C-alpha atoms as a PDB file:
ATOM      1  CA  MET A   1      83.318 263.900 125.251  1.00  0.00           C
ATOM      2  CA  ALA A   2      85.805 264.578 122.439  1.00  0.00           C
ATOM      3  CA  LEU A   3      84.731 264.265 118.771  1.00  0.00           C
ATOM      4  CA  ASP A   4      87.074 263.454 116.030  1.00  0.00           C
ATOM      5  CA  ALA A   5      86.750 265.224 112.543  1.00  0.00           C
ATOM      6  CA  ASN A   6      84.691 262.372 111.086  1.00  0.00           C
ATOM      7  CA  GLN A   7      82.133 262.567 113.981  1.00  0.00           C
ATOM      8  CA  MET A   8      81.931 266.396 113.659  1.00  0.00           C
ATOM      9  CA  ALA A   9      81.330 266.100 109.894  1.00  0.00           C
ATOM     10  CA  GLU A  10      78.591 263.458 110.453  1.00  0.00           C
ATOM     11  CA  ILE A  11      76.874 265.670 112.904  1.00  0.00           C
ATOM     12  CA  ALA A  12      77.208 268.755 110.715  1.00  0.00           C
ATOM     13  CA  ALA A  13      75.315 266.833 108.008  1.00  0.00           C
ATOM     14  CA  TYR A  14      72.372 266.146 110.226  1.00  0.00           C
ATOM     15  CA  ASP A  15      69.052 268.007 109.548  1.00  0.00           C
ATOM     16  CA  GLU A  16      67.813 270.462 112.080  1.00  0.00           C
ATOM     17  CA  GLU A  17      65.697 268.006 114.002  1.00  0.00           C
ATOM     18  CA  LYS A  18      68.320 265.334 114.252  1.00  0.00           C
ATOM     19  CA  ARG A  19      70.928 267.864 115.289  1.00  0.00           C
ATOM     20  CA  LEU A  20      68.676 269.164 118.065  1.00  0.00           C
ATOM     21  CA  ASN A  21      67.873 265.646 119.254  1.00  0.00           C
ATOM     22  CA  TYR A  22      71.600 264.761 119.286  1.00  0.00           C
ATOM     23  CA  SER A  23      72.309 267.930 121.236  1.00  0.00           C
ATOM     24  CA  VAL A  24      69.627 267.297 123.892  1.00  0.00           C
ATOM     25  CA  LYS A  25      70.707 263.727 124.366  1.00  0.00           C
ATOM     26  CA  THR A  26      74.421 264.735 124.658  1.00  0.00           C
ATOM     27  CA  MET A  27      73.509 267.487 127.164  1.00  0.00           C
ATOM     28  CA  VAL A  28      71.546 265.004 129.335  1.00  0.00           C
ATOM     29  CA  GLN A  29      74.255 262.447 129.178  1.00  0.00           C
ATOM     30  CA  GLU A  30      77.088 264.784 129.896  1.00  0.00           C
ATOM     31  CA  ARG A  31      75.064 266.880 132.394  1.00  0.00           C
ATOM     32  CA  GLN A  32      76.661 270.086 130.889  1.00  0.00           C
ATOM     33  CA  ILE A  33      75.437 272.917 128.687  1.00  0.00           C
ATOM     34  CA  TRP A  34      77.927 275.467 127.329  1.00  0.00           C
ATOM     35  CA  ILE A  35      76.979 279.027 126.531  1.00  0.00           C
ATOM     36  CA  LEU A  36      78.722 281.961 124.939  1.00  0.00           C
ATOM     37  CA  THR A  37      79.926 284.805 127.185  1.00  0.00           C
ATOM     38  CA  ASP A  38      81.837 288.070 126.743  1.00  0.00           C
ATOM     39  CA  GLU A  39      83.167 290.678 129.105  1.00  0.00           C
ATOM     40  CA  HIS A  40      79.471 291.929 129.680  1.00  0.00           C
ATOM     41  CA  GLY A  41      78.189 288.452 130.568  1.00  0.00           C
ATOM     42  CA  CYS A  42      76.072 286.067 128.480  1.00  0.00           C
ATOM     43  CA  VAL A  43      75.896 286.671 124.760  1.00  0.00           C
ATOM     44  CA  MET A  44      72.241 287.146 123.656  1.00  0.00           C
ATOM     45  CA  LEU A  45      70.617 286.822 120.317  1.00  0.00           C
ATOM     46  CA  ASN A  46      67.599 289.347 119.843  1.00  0.00           C
ATOM     47  CA  THR A  47      64.885 289.722 117.345  1.00  0.00           C
ATOM     48  CA  GLU A  48      61.907 291.980 117.492  1.00  0.00           C
ATOM     49  CA  ASP A  49      59.669 289.180 119.018  1.00  0.00           C
ATOM     50  CA  GLU A  50      62.206 287.379 121.297  1.00  0.00           C
ATOM     51  CA  ASP A  51      65.573 287.202 123.057  1.00  0.00           C
ATOM     52  CA  CYS A  52      67.502 283.896 123.357  1.00  0.00           C
ATOM     53  CA  VAL A  53      70.723 282.487 124.791  1.00  0.00           C
ATOM     54  CA  PRO A  54      72.715 280.418 122.279  1.00  0.00           C
ATOM     55  CA  VAL A  55      73.683 277.054 123.601  1.00  0.00           C
END
């Protein structure tokens, strides 16, 4: 699913909840999830309380 510049600008203007809903809906429709990787594997984000994988 390719987005043009206008669609990307529209999505960027969404609030957090609307962006999350759009993301989940698109992942289900496309049956794909992309993650960030580097030479060591999956890129992780860490805080004192939790670790997460950016999608």
